């Protein structure tokens, strides 16, 4: 009996793609892309500041 339930579950779910599902997936991809772009923009300044501090410290050691 349990075998039949598993088979019917996979049979029902297999290949089910809807317009709403595609739209949600594309929306999530766009949000992730925007988030990465925003984080990279802010990290560039942050990394430059840290690199400047490290260089200053290394020059002080010489």
PDB file of N, CA and C in Angstrom:
ATOM      1  N   UNK A   1       0.824  -1.194   0.000  1.00  0.00           N
ATOM      2  CA  UNK A   1       0.000   0.000   0.000  1.00  0.00           C
ATOM      3  C   UNK A   1       0.871   1.263   0.000  1.00  0.00           C
ATOM      4  N   UNK A   2       1.904   1.252   0.825  1.00  0.00           N
ATOM      5  CA  UNK A   2       2.793   2.412   0.897  1.00  0.00           C
ATOM      6  C   UNK A   2       3.500   2.632  -0.433  1.00  0.00           C
ATOM      7  N   UNK A   3       3.852   1.560  -1.114  1.00  0.00           N
ATOM      8  CA  UNK A   3       4.488   1.646  -2.426  1.00  0.00           C
ATOM      9  C   UNK A   3       3.593   2.376  -3.424  1.00  0.00           C
ATOM     10  N   UNK A   4       2.317   2.063  -3.402  1.00  0.00           N
ATOM     11  CA  UNK A   4       1.364   2.708  -4.320  1.00  0.00           C
ATOM     12  C   UNK A   4       1.257   4.195  -4.039  1.00  0.00           C
ATOM     13  N   UNK A   5       1.293   4.582  -2.763  1.00  0.00           N
ATOM     14  CA  UNK A   5       1.214   6.001  -2.408  1.00  0.00           C
ATOM     15  C   UNK A   5       2.443   6.746  -2.911  1.00  0.00           C
ATOM     16  N   UNK A   6       3.623   6.136  -2.771  1.00  0.00           N
ATOM     17  CA  UNK A   6       4.848   6.770  -3.266  1.00  0.00           C
ATOM     18  C   UNK A   6       4.806   6.926  -4.777  1.00  0.00           C
ATOM     19  N   UNK A   7       4.358   5.891  -5.463  1.00  0.00           N
ATOM     20  CA  UNK A   7       4.293   5.942  -6.919  1.00  0.00           C
ATOM     21  C   UNK A   7       3.302   6.999  -7.382  1.00  0.00           C
ATOM     22  N   UNK A   8       2.146   7.087  -6.733  1.00  0.00           N
ATOM     23  CA  UNK A   8       1.154   8.070  -7.157  1.00  0.00           C
ATOM     24  C   UNK A   8       1.643   9.491  -6.863  1.00  0.00           C
ATOM     25  N   UNK A   9       2.376   9.652  -5.754  1.00  0.00           N
ATOM     26  CA  UNK A   9       2.923  10.974  -5.434  1.00  0.00           C
ATOM     27  C   UNK A   9       3.880  11.428  -6.525  1.00  0.00           C
ATOM     28  N   UNK A  10       4.833  10.563  -6.896  1.00  0.00           N
ATOM     29  CA  UNK A  10       5.808  10.938  -7.912  1.00  0.00           C
ATOM     30  C   UNK A  10       5.149  11.104  -9.275  1.00  0.00           C
ATOM     31  N   UNK A  11       4.142  10.308  -9.550  1.00  0.00           N
ATOM     32  CA  UNK A  11       3.467  10.401 -10.838  1.00  0.00           C
ATOM     33  C   UNK A  11       2.722  11.728 -10.948  1.00  0.00           C
ATOM     34  N   UNK A  12       2.105  12.168  -9.845  1.00  0.00           N
ATOM     35  CA  UNK A  12       1.352  13.422  -9.849  1.00  0.00           C
ATOM     36  C   UNK A  12       2.277  14.635  -9.934  1.00  0.00           C
ATOM     37  N   UNK A  13       3.418  14.589  -9.275  1.00  0.00           N
ATOM     38  CA  UNK A  13       4.320  15.736  -9.204  1.00  0.00           C
ATOM     39  C   UNK A  13       5.261  15.836 -10.400  1.00  0.00           C
ATOM     40  N   UNK A  14       5.404  14.782 -11.136  1.00  0.00           N
ATOM     41  CA  UNK A  14       6.379  14.727 -12.222  1.00  0.00           C
ATOM     42  C   UNK A  14       5.955  15.635 -13.373  1.00  0.00           C
ATOM     43  N   UNK A  15       6.820  16.566 -13.762  1.00  0.00           N
ATOM     44  CA  UNK A  15       6.586  17.402 -14.942  1.00  0.00           C
ATOM     45  C   UNK A  15       5.570  18.498 -14.758  1.00  0.00           C
ATOM     46  N   UNK A  16       5.222  18.819 -13.542  1.00  0.00           N
ATOM     47  CA  UNK A  16       4.230  19.869 -13.325  1.00  0.00           C
ATOM     48  C   UNK A  16       4.924  21.223 -13.248  1.00  0.00           C
ATOM     49  N   UNK A  17       4.842  21.998 -14.317  1.00  0.00           N
ATOM     50  CA  UNK A  17       5.439  23.327 -14.378  1.00  0.00           C
ATOM     51  C   UNK A  17       4.323  24.300 -14.726  1.00  0.00           C
ATOM     52  N   UNK A  18       4.177  25.312 -13.899  1.00  0.00           N
ATOM     53  CA  UNK A  18       3.121  26.290 -14.154  1.00  0.00           C
ATOM     54  C   UNK A  18       3.735  27.661 -14.428  1.00  0.00           C
ATOM     55  N   UNK A  19       2.928  28.520 -14.989  1.00  0.00           N
ATOM     56  CA  UNK A  19       3.365  29.895 -15.261  1.00  0.00           C
ATOM     57  C   UNK A  19       3.709  30.590 -13.950  1.00  0.00           C
ATOM     58  N   UNK A  20       2.899  30.364 -12.932  1.00  0.00           N
ATOM     59  CA  UNK A  20       3.148  30.987 -11.625  1.00  0.00           C
ATOM     60  C   UNK A  20       4.485  30.504 -11.049  1.00  0.00           C
ATOM     61  N   UNK A  21       4.778  29.222 -11.182  1.00  0.00           N
ATOM     62  CA  UNK A  21       6.040  28.683 -10.683  1.00  0.00           C
ATOM     63  C   UNK A  21       7.236  29.270 -11.405  1.00  0.00           C
ATOM     64  N   UNK A  22       7.110  29.429 -12.720  1.00  0.00           N
ATOM     65  CA  UNK A  22       8.187  30.034 -13.511  1.00  0.00           C
ATOM     66  C   UNK A  22       8.369  31.497 -13.121  1.00  0.00           C
ATOM     67  N   UNK A  23       7.272  32.210 -12.937  1.00  0.00           N
ATOM     68  CA  UNK A  23       7.346  33.626 -12.555  1.00  0.00           C
ATOM     69  C   UNK A  23       8.003  33.790 -11.185  1.00  0.00           C
ATOM     70  N   UNK A  24       7.655  32.927 -10.247  1.00  0.00           N
ATOM     71  CA  UNK A  24       8.251  33.007  -8.906  1.00  0.00           C
ATOM     72  C   UNK A  24       9.755  32.731  -8.990  1.00  0.00           C
ATOM     73  N   UNK A  25      10.132  31.735  -9.773  1.00  0.00           N
ATOM     74  CA  UNK A  25      11.552  31.400  -9.928  1.00  0.00           C
ATOM     75  C   UNK A  25      12.331  32.558 -10.542  1.00  0.00           C
ATOM     76  N   UNK A  26      11.792  33.170 -11.579  1.00  0.00           N
ATOM     77  CA  UNK A  26      12.459  34.314 -12.213  1.00  0.00           C
ATOM     78  C   UNK A  26      12.552  35.484 -11.240  1.00  0.00           C
ATOM     79  N   UNK A  27      11.496  35.711 -10.463  1.00  0.00           N
ATOM     80  CA  UNK A  27      11.515  36.783  -9.461  1.00  0.00           C
ATOM     81  C   UNK A  27      12.608  36.568  -8.429  1.00  0.00           C
ATOM     82  N   UNK A  28      12.755  35.338  -7.971  1.00  0.00           N
ATOM     83  CA  UNK A  28      13.794  35.028  -6.982  1.00  0.00           C
ATOM     84  C   UNK A  28      15.179  35.229  -7.582  1.00  0.00           C
ATOM     85  N   UNK A  29      15.362  34.809  -8.830  1.00  0.00           N
ATOM     86  CA  UNK A  29      16.664  34.998  -9.493  1.00  0.00           C
ATOM     87  C   UNK A  29      16.996  36.481  -9.610  1.00  0.00           C
ATOM     88  N   UNK A  30      16.010  37.296  -9.955  1.00  0.00           N
ATOM     89  CA  UNK A  30      16.238  38.742 -10.070  1.00  0.00           C
ATOM     90  C   UNK A  30      16.587  39.341  -8.712  1.00  0.00           C
ATOM     91  N   UNK A  31      15.869  38.940  -7.652  1.00  0.00           N
ATOM     92  CA  UNK A  31      16.172  39.464  -6.316  1.00  0.00           C
ATOM     93  C   UNK A  31      17.567  39.073  -5.852  1.00  0.00           C
ATOM     94  N   UNK A  32      17.961  37.845  -6.113  1.00  0.00           N
ATOM     95  CA  UNK A  32      19.306  37.409  -5.729  1.00  0.00           C
ATOM     96  C   UNK A  32      20.353  38.198  -6.507  1.00  0.00           C
ATOM     97  N   UNK A  33      20.132  38.395  -7.800  1.00  0.00           N
ATOM     98  CA  UNK A  33      21.066  39.181  -8.612  1.00  0.00           C
ATOM     99  C   UNK A  33      21.202  40.607  -8.117  1.00  0.00           C
ATOM    100  N   UNK A  34      20.064  41.230  -7.778  1.00  0.00           N
ATOM    101  CA  UNK A  34      20.104  42.600  -7.257  1.00  0.00           C
ATOM    102  C   UNK A  34      20.834  42.649  -5.922  1.00  0.00           C
ATOM    103  N   UNK A  35      20.587  41.665  -5.067  1.00  0.00           N
ATOM    104  CA  UNK A  35      21.257  41.629  -3.760  1.00  0.00           C
ATOM    105  C   UNK A  35      22.765  41.500  -3.926  1.00  0.00           C
ATOM    106  N   UNK A  36      23.191  40.617  -4.823  1.00  0.00           N
ATOM    107  CA  UNK A  36      24.629  40.429  -5.061  1.00  0.00           C
ATOM    108  C   UNK A  36      25.253  41.714  -5.584  1.00  0.00           C
ATOM    109  N   UNK A  37      24.566  42.399  -6.497  1.00  0.00           N
ATOM    110  CA  UNK A  37      25.084  43.653  -7.046  1.00  0.00           C
ATOM    111  C   UNK A  37      25.237  44.709  -5.953  1.00  0.00           C
ATOM    112  N   UNK A  38      24.239  44.818  -5.091  1.00  0.00           N
ATOM    113  CA  UNK A  38      24.295  45.812  -4.005  1.00  0.00           C
ATOM    114  C   UNK A  38      25.419  45.478  -3.036  1.00  0.00           C
ATOM    115  N   UNK A  39      25.534  44.195  -2.671  1.00  0.00           N
ATOM    116  CA  UNK A  39      26.580  43.786  -1.722  1.00  0.00           C
ATOM    117  C   UNK A  39      27.961  44.010  -2.320  1.00  0.00           C
ATOM    118  N   UNK A  40      28.146  43.692  -3.600  1.00  0.00           N
ATOM    119  CA  UNK A  40      29.449  43.897  -4.237  1.00  0.00           C
ATOM    120  C   UNK A  40      29.817  45.371  -4.261  1.00  0.00           C
ATOM    121  N   UNK A  41      28.849  46.234  -4.519  1.00  0.00           N
ATOM    122  CA  UNK A  41      29.113  47.670  -4.543  1.00  0.00           C
ATOM    123  C   UNK A  41      29.595  48.178  -3.204  1.00  0.00           C
ATOM    124  N   UNK A  42      28.978  47.693  -2.124  1.00  0.00           N
ATOM    125  CA  UNK A  42      29.364  48.131  -0.789  1.00  0.00           C
ATOM    126  C   UNK A  42      30.634  47.438  -0.322  1.00  0.00           C
ATOM    127  N   UNK A  43      30.846  46.200  -0.752  1.00  0.00           N
ATOM    128  CA  UNK A  43      32.046  45.478  -0.329  1.00  0.00           C
ATOM    129  C   UNK A  43      33.306  46.050  -0.961  1.00  0.00           C
ATOM    130  N   UNK A  44      33.172  46.608  -2.152  1.00  0.00           N
ATOM    131  CA  UNK A  44      34.344  47.192  -2.800  1.00  0.00           C
ATOM    132  C   UNK A  44      34.960  48.274  -1.937  1.00  0.00           C
ATOM    133  N   UNK A  45      34.140  49.167  -1.419  1.00  0.00           N
ATOM    134  CA  UNK A  45      34.639  50.234  -0.542  1.00  0.00           C
ATOM    135  C   UNK A  45      35.172  49.651   0.756  1.00  0.00           C
ATOM    136  N   UNK A  46      34.474  48.682   1.289  1.00  0.00           N
ATOM    137  CA  UNK A  46      34.859  48.070   2.549  1.00  0.00           C
ATOM    138  C   UNK A  46      36.208  47.364   2.394  1.00  0.00           C
ATOM    139  N   UNK A  47      36.375  46.628   1.312  1.00  0.00           N
ATOM    140  CA  UNK A  47      37.637  45.929   1.080  1.00  0.00           C
ATOM    141  C   UNK A  47      38.780  46.906   0.831  1.00  0.00           C
ATOM    142  N   UNK A  48      38.503  47.997   0.130  1.00  0.00           N
ATOM    143  CA  UNK A  48      39.537  49.019  -0.086  1.00  0.00           C
ATOM    144  C   UNK A  48      39.984  49.623   1.238  1.00  0.00           C
ATOM    145  N   UNK A  49      39.053  49.891   2.135  1.00  0.00           N
ATOM    146  CA  UNK A  49      39.395  50.440   3.450  1.00  0.00           C
ATOM    147  C   UNK A  49      40.259  49.465   4.241  1.00  0.00           C
ATOM    148  N   UNK A  50      39.861  48.191   4.255  1.00  0.00           N
ATOM    149  CA  UNK A  50      40.622  47.180   4.996  1.00  0.00           C
ATOM    150  C   UNK A  50      42.017  47.029   4.395  1.00  0.00           C
ATOM    151  N   UNK A  51      42.097  46.993   3.059  1.00  0.00           N
ATOM    152  CA  UNK A  51      43.401  46.848   2.405  1.00  0.00           C
ATOM    153  C   UNK A  51      44.296  48.042   2.744  1.00  0.00           C
ATOM    154  N   UNK A  52      43.721  49.233   2.794  1.00  0.00           N
ATOM    155  CA  UNK A  52      44.483  50.423   3.176  1.00  0.00           C
ATOM    156  C   UNK A  52      45.031  50.308   4.594  1.00  0.00           C
ATOM    157  N   UNK A  53      44.229  49.801   5.508  1.00  0.00           N
ATOM    158  CA  UNK A  53      44.671  49.619   6.895  1.00  0.00           C
ATOM    159  C   UNK A  53      45.802  48.594   6.954  1.00  0.00           C
ATOM    160  N   UNK A  54      45.652  47.504   6.232  1.00  0.00           N
ATOM    161  CA  UNK A  54      46.689  46.460   6.216  1.00  0.00           C
ATOM    162  C   UNK A  54      47.995  47.009   5.644  1.00  0.00           C
ATOM    163  N   UNK A  55      47.902  47.755   4.537  1.00  0.00           N
ATOM    164  CA  UNK A  55      49.111  48.324   3.939  1.00  0.00           C
ATOM    165  C   UNK A  55      49.799  49.292   4.886  1.00  0.00           C
ATOM    166  N   UNK A  56      49.023  50.094   5.577  1.00  0.00           N
ATOM    167  CA  UNK A  56      49.562  51.039   6.547  1.00  0.00           C
ATOM    168  C   UNK A  56      50.297  50.292   7.672  1.00  0.00           C
ATOM    169  N   UNK A  57      49.691  49.234   8.149  1.00  0.00           N
ATOM    170  CA  UNK A  57      50.321  48.441   9.211  1.00  0.00           C
ATOM    171  C   UNK A  57      51.606  47.789   8.725  1.00  0.00           C
ATOM    172  N   UNK A  58      51.587  47.276   7.485  1.00  0.00           N
ATOM    173  CA  UNK A  58      52.799  46.630   6.946  1.00  0.00           C
ATOM    174  C   UNK A  58      53.911  47.632   6.725  1.00  0.00           C
ATOM    175  N   UNK A  59      53.569  48.850   6.288  1.00  0.00           N
ATOM    176  CA  UNK A  59      54.585  49.874   6.092  1.00  0.00           C
ATOM    177  C   UNK A  59      55.182  50.292   7.422  1.00  0.00           C
ATOM    178  N   UNK A  60      54.395  50.251   8.497  1.00  0.00           N
ATOM    179  CA  UNK A  60      54.889  50.591   9.826  1.00  0.00           C
ATOM    180  C   UNK A  60      55.874  49.559  10.361  1.00  0.00           C
ATOM    181  N   UNK A  61      55.749  48.324   9.910  1.00  0.00           N
ATOM    182  CA  UNK A  61      56.637  47.249  10.369  1.00  0.00           C
ATOM    183  C   UNK A  61      58.020  47.397   9.747  1.00  0.00           C
ATOM    184  N   UNK A  62      58.095  47.845   8.498  1.00  0.00           N
ATOM    185  CA  UNK A  62      59.382  47.959   7.796  1.00  0.00           C
ATOM    186  C   UNK A  62      60.290  48.875   8.480  1.00  0.00           C
TER     187      UNK A  62
END
